[in-house]
Amino acid sequence: MIFYFSLNVNFQEFERYYQGHVTKVEVHDQNGKTLWINGRHFRPFLTRSGIKGQFKIELTSTGELLSLTQISPI
């Protein structure tokens, strides 16, 4: 399963995920489906301004992460 979504989180907001106080990031794909993704998967995309961009996530049929890629910055 492949989903596309946008994410725009500033550094201060994402700090809660980075420190482990909050574990799941709620996003909505381009068709309106709600996805809950562990915040640790976004760490490679974190910059001083936060995480901003269009993303593609690929999951197994059981919902396990296969890949998460940033396809374009916002």
PDB file of N, CA and C in Angstrom:
ATOM      1  N   MET A   1       0.838  -1.163   0.000  1.00  0.00           N
ATOM      2  CA  MET A   1       0.000   0.000   0.000  1.00  0.00           C
ATOM      3  C   MET A   1       0.889   1.234   0.000  1.00  0.00           C
ATOM      4  N   ILE A   2       0.530   2.200  -0.825  1.00  0.00           N
ATOM      5  CA  ILE A   2       1.293   3.436  -0.940  1.00  0.00           C
ATOM      6  C   ILE A   2       0.363   4.611  -0.662  1.00  0.00           C
ATOM      7  N   PHE A   3       0.850   5.550   0.157  1.00  0.00           N
ATOM      8  CA  PHE A   3       0.083   6.735   0.506  1.00  0.00           C
ATOM      9  C   PHE A   3       0.962   7.972   0.306  1.00  0.00           C
ATOM     10  N   TYR A   4       0.336   9.070  -0.083  1.00  0.00           N
ATOM     11  CA  TYR A   4       1.022  10.346  -0.256  1.00  0.00           C
ATOM     12  C   TYR A   4       0.383  11.365   0.682  1.00  0.00           C
ATOM     13  N   PHE A   5       1.219  12.176   1.342  1.00  0.00           N
ATOM     14  CA  PHE A   5       0.695  13.172   2.268  1.00  0.00           C
ATOM     15  C   PHE A   5       1.674  14.325   2.411  1.00  0.00           C
ATOM     16  N   SER A   6       1.180  15.437   2.922  1.00  0.00           N
ATOM     17  CA  SER A   6       1.999  16.611   3.229  1.00  0.00           C
ATOM     18  C   SER A   6       2.189  16.688   4.734  1.00  0.00           C
ATOM     19  N   LEU A   7       3.316  17.229   5.133  1.00  0.00           N
ATOM     20  CA  LEU A   7       3.570  17.435   6.554  1.00  0.00           C
ATOM     21  C   LEU A   7       4.278  18.768   6.712  1.00  0.00           C
ATOM     22  N   ASN A   8       3.789  19.568   7.654  1.00  0.00           N
ATOM     23  CA  ASN A   8       4.384  20.865   7.939  1.00  0.00           C
ATOM     24  C   ASN A   8       4.360  21.048   9.451  1.00  0.00           C
ATOM     25  N   VAL A   9       5.461  20.677  10.102  1.00  0.00           N
ATOM     26  CA  VAL A   9       5.578  20.733  11.556  1.00  0.00           C
ATOM     27  C   VAL A   9       6.832  21.532  11.891  1.00  0.00           C
ATOM     28  N   ASN A  10       6.692  22.576  12.726  1.00  0.00           N
ATOM     29  CA  ASN A  10       7.884  23.345  13.064  1.00  0.00           C
ATOM     30  C   ASN A  10       8.746  22.559  14.064  1.00  0.00           C
ATOM     31  N   PHE A  11       9.959  23.031  14.258  1.00  0.00           N
ATOM     32  CA  PHE A  11      10.922  22.306  15.089  1.00  0.00           C
ATOM     33  C   PHE A  11      10.414  22.120  16.516  1.00  0.00           C
ATOM     34  N   GLN A  12       9.819  23.176  17.092  1.00  0.00           N
ATOM     35  CA  GLN A  12       9.344  23.093  18.468  1.00  0.00           C
ATOM     36  C   GLN A  12       8.233  22.047  18.607  1.00  0.00           C
ATOM     37  N   GLU A  13       7.324  21.988  17.646  1.00  0.00           N
ATOM     38  CA  GLU A  13       6.252  20.990  17.692  1.00  0.00           C
ATOM     39  C   GLU A  13       6.829  19.578  17.588  1.00  0.00           C
ATOM     40  N   PHE A  14       7.790  19.393  16.687  1.00  0.00           N
ATOM     41  CA  PHE A  14       8.335  18.058  16.479  1.00  0.00           C
ATOM     42  C   PHE A  14       9.211  17.602  17.638  1.00  0.00           C
ATOM     43  N   GLU A  15       9.705  18.529  18.419  1.00  0.00           N
ATOM     44  CA  GLU A  15      10.570  18.183  19.545  1.00  0.00           C
ATOM     45  C   GLU A  15       9.897  17.179  20.491  1.00  0.00           C
ATOM     46  N   ARG A  16       8.579  17.266  20.657  1.00  0.00           N
ATOM     47  CA  ARG A  16       7.845  16.316  21.503  1.00  0.00           C
ATOM     48  C   ARG A  16       7.993  14.887  20.983  1.00  0.00           C
ATOM     49  N   TYR A  17       7.968  14.725  19.649  1.00  0.00           N
ATOM     50  CA  TYR A  17       8.123  13.397  19.040  1.00  0.00           C
ATOM     51  C   TYR A  17       9.569  12.932  19.161  1.00  0.00           C
ATOM     52  N   TYR A  18      10.476  13.870  18.916  1.00  0.00           N
ATOM     53  CA  TYR A  18      11.901  13.542  18.942  1.00  0.00           C
ATOM     54  C   TYR A  18      12.329  13.072  20.325  1.00  0.00           C
ATOM     55  N   GLN A  19      11.775  13.693  21.356  1.00  0.00           N
ATOM     56  CA  GLN A  19      12.137  13.337  22.723  1.00  0.00           C
ATOM     57  C   GLN A  19      11.352  12.140  23.233  1.00  0.00           C
ATOM     58  N   GLY A  20      10.377  11.662  22.469  1.00  0.00           N
ATOM     59  CA  GLY A  20       9.626  10.482  22.854  1.00  0.00           C
ATOM     60  C   GLY A  20       8.426  10.746  23.743  1.00  0.00           C
ATOM     61  N   HIS A  21       8.096  12.028  23.974  1.00  0.00           N
ATOM     62  CA  HIS A  21       6.920  12.347  24.785  1.00  0.00           C
ATOM     63  C   HIS A  21       5.631  11.979  24.051  1.00  0.00           C
ATOM     64  N   VAL A  22       5.668  12.108  22.740  1.00  0.00           N
ATOM     65  CA  VAL A  22       4.552  11.722  21.878  1.00  0.00           C
ATOM     66  C   VAL A  22       5.151  10.804  20.828  1.00  0.00           C
ATOM     67  N   THR A  23       4.505   9.692  20.542  1.00  0.00           N
ATOM     68  CA  THR A  23       5.127   8.738  19.620  1.00  0.00           C
ATOM     69  C   THR A  23       4.547   8.754  18.216  1.00  0.00           C
ATOM     70  N   LYS A  24       3.275   9.027  18.061  1.00  0.00           N
ATOM     71  CA  LYS A  24       2.637   8.913  16.748  1.00  0.00           C
ATOM     72  C   LYS A  24       2.321  10.276  16.148  1.00  0.00           C
ATOM     73  N   VAL A  25       2.633  10.412  14.870  1.00  0.00           N
ATOM     74  CA  VAL A  25       2.295  11.605  14.106  1.00  0.00           C
ATOM     75  C   VAL A  25       1.051  11.274  13.296  1.00  0.00           C
ATOM     76  N   GLU A  26       0.027  12.098  13.412  1.00  0.00           N
ATOM     77  CA  GLU A  26      -1.201  11.891  12.642  1.00  0.00           C
ATOM     78  C   GLU A  26      -1.105  12.693  11.353  1.00  0.00           C
ATOM     79  N   VAL A  27      -1.269  12.012  10.225  1.00  0.00           N
ATOM     80  CA  VAL A  27      -1.281  12.673   8.921  1.00  0.00           C
ATOM     81  C   VAL A  27      -2.512  12.196   8.160  1.00  0.00           C
ATOM     82  N   HIS A  28      -2.861  12.968   7.147  1.00  0.00           N
ATOM     83  CA  HIS A  28      -3.983  12.607   6.282  1.00  0.00           C
ATOM     84  C   HIS A  28      -3.454  12.520   4.865  1.00  0.00           C
ATOM     85  N   ASP A  29      -3.677  11.374   4.217  1.00  0.00           N
ATOM     86  CA  ASP A  29      -3.180  11.211   2.858  1.00  0.00           C
ATOM     87  C   ASP A  29      -4.026  12.048   1.904  1.00  0.00           C
ATOM     88  N   GLN A  30      -3.623  12.063   0.635  1.00  0.00           N
ATOM     89  CA  GLN A  30      -4.290  12.910  -0.355  1.00  0.00           C
ATOM     90  C   GLN A  30      -5.747  12.533  -0.581  1.00  0.00           C
ATOM     91  N   ASN A  31      -6.171  11.353  -0.131  1.00  0.00           N
ATOM     92  CA  ASN A  31      -7.559  10.927  -0.268  1.00  0.00           C
ATOM     93  C   ASN A  31      -8.340  11.062   1.038  1.00  0.00           C
ATOM     94  N   GLY A  32      -7.699  11.637   2.074  1.00  0.00           N
ATOM     95  CA  GLY A  32      -8.371  11.864   3.340  1.00  0.00           C
ATOM     96  C   GLY A  32      -8.237  10.760   4.368  1.00  0.00           C
ATOM     97  N   LYS A  33      -7.515   9.707   4.047  1.00  0.00           N
ATOM     98  CA  LYS A  33      -7.319   8.605   4.993  1.00  0.00           C
ATOM     99  C   LYS A  33      -6.359   9.051   6.097  1.00  0.00           C
ATOM    100  N   THR A  34      -6.701   8.755   7.337  1.00  0.00           N
ATOM    101  CA  THR A  34      -5.858   9.104   8.480  1.00  0.00           C
ATOM    102  C   THR A  34      -4.831   8.001   8.711  1.00  0.00           C
ATOM    103  N   LEU A  35      -3.576   8.407   8.839  1.00  0.00           N
ATOM    104  CA  LEU A  35      -2.478   7.481   9.121  1.00  0.00           C
ATOM    105  C   LEU A  35      -1.793   7.935  10.403  1.00  0.00           C
ATOM    106  N   TRP A  36      -1.402   6.983  11.224  1.00  0.00           N
ATOM    107  CA  TRP A  36      -0.616   7.248  12.434  1.00  0.00           C
ATOM    108  C   TRP A  36       0.765   6.641  12.220  1.00  0.00           C
ATOM    109  N   ILE A  37       1.783   7.505  12.186  1.00  0.00           N
ATOM    110  CA  ILE A  37       3.144   7.070  11.861  1.00  0.00           C
ATOM    111  C   ILE A  37       4.049   7.393  13.042  1.00  0.00           C
ATOM    112  N   ASN A  38       4.865   6.436  13.441  1.00  0.00           N
ATOM    113  CA  ASN A  38       5.791   6.664  14.542  1.00  0.00           C
ATOM    114  C   ASN A  38       6.715   7.836  14.197  1.00  0.00           C
ATOM    115  N   GLY A  39       6.815   8.786  15.113  1.00  0.00           N
ATOM    116  CA  GLY A  39       7.611   9.984  14.887  1.00  0.00           C
ATOM    117  C   GLY A  39       9.073   9.718  14.593  1.00  0.00           C
ATOM    118  N   ARG A  40       9.597   8.611  15.076  1.00  0.00           N
ATOM    119  CA  ARG A  40      11.025   8.324  14.845  1.00  0.00           C
ATOM    120  C   ARG A  40      11.350   8.177  13.359  1.00  0.00           C
ATOM    121  N   HIS A  41      10.358   7.812  12.548  1.00  0.00           N
ATOM    122  CA  HIS A  41      10.593   7.638  11.116  1.00  0.00           C
ATOM    123  C   HIS A  41      10.829   8.972  10.399  1.00  0.00           C
ATOM    124  N   PHE A  42      10.459  10.075  11.044  1.00  0.00           N
ATOM    125  CA  PHE A  42      10.637  11.390  10.433  1.00  0.00           C
ATOM    126  C   PHE A  42      11.951  12.057  10.809  1.00  0.00           C
ATOM    127  N   ARG A  43      12.698  11.489  11.732  1.00  0.00           N
ATOM    128  CA  ARG A  43      13.946  12.112  12.189  1.00  0.00           C
ATOM    129  C   ARG A  43      14.916  12.453  11.057  1.00  0.00           C
ATOM    130  N   PRO A  44      15.074  11.608  10.024  1.00  0.00           N
ATOM    131  CA  PRO A  44      16.019  11.968   8.951  1.00  0.00           C
ATOM    132  C   PRO A  44      15.616  13.232   8.176  1.00  0.00           C
ATOM    133  N   PHE A  45      14.367  13.643   8.296  1.00  0.00           N
ATOM    134  CA  PHE A  45      13.865  14.781   7.533  1.00  0.00           C
ATOM    135  C   PHE A  45      13.814  16.060   8.361  1.00  0.00           C
ATOM    136  N   LEU A  46      14.227  16.001   9.623  1.00  0.00           N
ATOM    137  CA  LEU A  46      14.151  17.136  10.524  1.00  0.00           C
ATOM    138  C   LEU A  46      15.243  18.149  10.218  1.00  0.00           C
ATOM    139  N   THR A  47      14.841  19.417  10.068  1.00  0.00           N
ATOM    140  CA  THR A  47      15.782  20.525   9.876  1.00  0.00           C
ATOM    141  C   THR A  47      15.544  21.537  10.992  1.00  0.00           C
ATOM    142  N   ARG A  48      16.296  22.603  10.994  1.00  0.00           N
ATOM    143  CA  ARG A  48      16.125  23.643  12.018  1.00  0.00           C
ATOM    144  C   ARG A  48      14.733  24.272  11.965  1.00  0.00           C
ATOM    145  N   SER A  49      14.120  24.260  10.797  1.00  0.00           N
ATOM    146  CA  SER A  49      12.780  24.841  10.685  1.00  0.00           C
ATOM    147  C   SER A  49      11.688  23.806  10.934  1.00  0.00           C
ATOM    148  N   GLY A  50      12.049  22.547  11.059  1.00  0.00           N
ATOM    149  CA  GLY A  50      11.079  21.487  11.315  1.00  0.00           C
ATOM    150  C   GLY A  50      11.056  20.465  10.198  1.00  0.00           C
ATOM    151  N   ILE A  51       9.876  19.955   9.911  1.00  0.00           N
ATOM    152  CA  ILE A  51       9.699  18.984   8.833  1.00  0.00           C
ATOM    153  C   ILE A  51       8.617  19.522   7.922  1.00  0.00           C
ATOM    154  N   LYS A  52       8.995  19.761   6.670  1.00  0.00           N
ATOM    155  CA  LYS A  52       8.056  20.330   5.713  1.00  0.00           C
ATOM    156  C   LYS A  52       8.248  19.645   4.377  1.00  0.00           C
ATOM    157  N   GLY A  53       7.156  19.157   3.810  1.00  0.00           N
ATOM    158  CA  GLY A  53       7.263  18.568   2.489  1.00  0.00           C
ATOM    159  C   GLY A  53       6.152  17.606   2.158  1.00  0.00           C
ATOM    160  N   GLN A  54       6.277  17.056   0.971  1.00  0.00           N
ATOM    161  CA  GLN A  54       5.387  16.022   0.477  1.00  0.00           C
ATOM    162  C   GLN A  54       6.103  14.693   0.682  1.00  0.00           C
ATOM    163  N   PHE A  55       5.374  13.712   1.188  1.00  0.00           N
ATOM    164  CA  PHE A  55       5.977  12.426   1.521  1.00  0.00           C
ATOM    165  C   PHE A  55       5.213  11.271   0.870  1.00  0.00           C
ATOM    166  N   LYS A  56       5.938  10.189   0.710  1.00  0.00           N
ATOM    167  CA  LYS A  56       5.372   8.933   0.204  1.00  0.00           C
ATOM    168  C   LYS A  56       5.717   7.860   1.229  1.00  0.00           C
ATOM    169  N   ILE A  57       4.710   7.120   1.660  1.00  0.00           N
ATOM    170  CA  ILE A  57       4.954   6.025   2.596  1.00  0.00           C
ATOM    171  C   ILE A  57       4.433   4.742   1.960  1.00  0.00           C
ATOM    172  N   GLU A  58       5.226   3.706   2.080  1.00  0.00           N
ATOM    173  CA  GLU A  58       4.830   2.394   1.570  1.00  0.00           C
ATOM    174  C   GLU A  58       4.750   1.442   2.751  1.00  0.00           C
ATOM    175  N   LEU A  59       3.600   0.753   2.861  1.00  0.00           N
ATOM    176  CA  LEU A  59       3.338  -0.168   3.958  1.00  0.00           C
ATOM    177  C   LEU A  59       3.044  -1.563   3.429  1.00  0.00           C
ATOM    178  N   THR A  60       3.317  -2.558   4.261  1.00  0.00           N
ATOM    179  CA  THR A  60       2.924  -3.924   3.912  1.00  0.00           C
ATOM    180  C   THR A  60       1.412  -4.035   4.075  1.00  0.00           C
ATOM    181  N   SER A  61       0.851  -5.146   3.694  1.00  0.00           N
ATOM    182  CA  SER A  61      -0.589  -5.359   3.838  1.00  0.00           C
ATOM    183  C   SER A  61      -1.018  -5.403   5.299  1.00  0.00           C
ATOM    184  N   THR A  62      -0.047  -5.633   6.208  1.00  0.00           N
ATOM    185  CA  THR A  62      -0.352  -5.648   7.639  1.00  0.00           C
ATOM    186  C   THR A  62      -0.038  -4.310   8.313  1.00  0.00           C
ATOM    187  N   GLY A  63       0.353  -3.303   7.527  1.00  0.00           N
ATOM    188  CA  GLY A  63       0.606  -1.972   8.060  1.00  0.00           C
ATOM    189  C   GLY A  63       2.013  -1.698   8.526  1.00  0.00           C
ATOM    190  N   GLU A  64       2.954  -2.590   8.237  1.00  0.00           N
ATOM    191  CA  GLU A  64       4.343  -2.360   8.627  1.00  0.00           C
ATOM    192  C   GLU A  64       5.036  -1.475   7.593  1.00  0.00           C
ATOM    193  N   LEU A  65       5.900  -0.594   8.078  1.00  0.00           N
ATOM    194  CA  LEU A  65       6.602   0.350   7.221  1.00  0.00           C
ATOM    195  C   LEU A  65       7.625  -0.354   6.318  1.00  0.00           C
ATOM    196  N   LEU A  66       7.521  -0.084   5.036  1.00  0.00           N
ATOM    197  CA  LEU A  66       8.544  -0.532   4.090  1.00  0.00           C
ATOM    198  C   LEU A  66       9.484   0.612   3.755  1.00  0.00           C
ATOM    199  N   SER A  67       8.902   1.806   3.499  1.00  0.00           N
ATOM    200  CA  SER A  67       9.733   2.975   3.200  1.00  0.00           C
ATOM    201  C   SER A  67       8.955   4.257   3.443  1.00  0.00           C
ATOM    202  N   LEU A  68       9.708   5.299   3.762  1.00  0.00           N
ATOM    203  CA  LEU A  68       9.175   6.639   3.903  1.00  0.00           C
ATOM    204  C   LEU A  68      10.155   7.560   3.206  1.00  0.00           C
ATOM    205  N   THR A  69       9.691   8.277   2.198  1.00  0.00           N
ATOM    206  CA  THR A  69      10.569   9.160   1.448  1.00  0.00           C
ATOM    207  C   THR A  69       9.916  10.531   1.287  1.00  0.00           C
ATOM    208  N   GLN A  70      10.774  11.537   1.287  1.00  0.00           N
ATOM    209  CA  GLN A  70      10.297  12.894   1.005  1.00  0.00           C
ATOM    210  C   GLN A  70      10.404  13.087  -0.490  1.00  0.00           C
ATOM    211  N   ILE A  71       9.284  13.359  -1.131  1.00  0.00           N
ATOM    212  CA  ILE A  71       9.303  13.488  -2.583  1.00  0.00           C
ATOM    213  C   ILE A  71       9.463  14.930  -3.046  1.00  0.00           C
ATOM    214  N   SER A  72       9.156  15.886  -2.156  1.00  0.00           N
ATOM    215  CA  SER A  72       9.439  17.287  -2.468  1.00  0.00           C
ATOM    216  C   SER A  72       9.290  18.130  -1.211  1.00  0.00           C
ATOM    217  N   PRO A  73      10.123  19.160  -1.085  1.00  0.00           N
ATOM    218  CA  PRO A  73       9.974  20.077   0.050  1.00  0.00           C
ATOM    219  C   PRO A  73       8.823  21.037  -0.216  1.00  0.00           C
ATOM    220  N   ILE A  74       8.288  21.617   0.839  1.00  0.00           N
ATOM    221  CA  ILE A  74       7.229  22.623   0.664  1.00  0.00           C
ATOM    222  C   ILE A  74       7.883  23.972   0.577  1.00  0.00           C
TER     223      ILE A  74
END
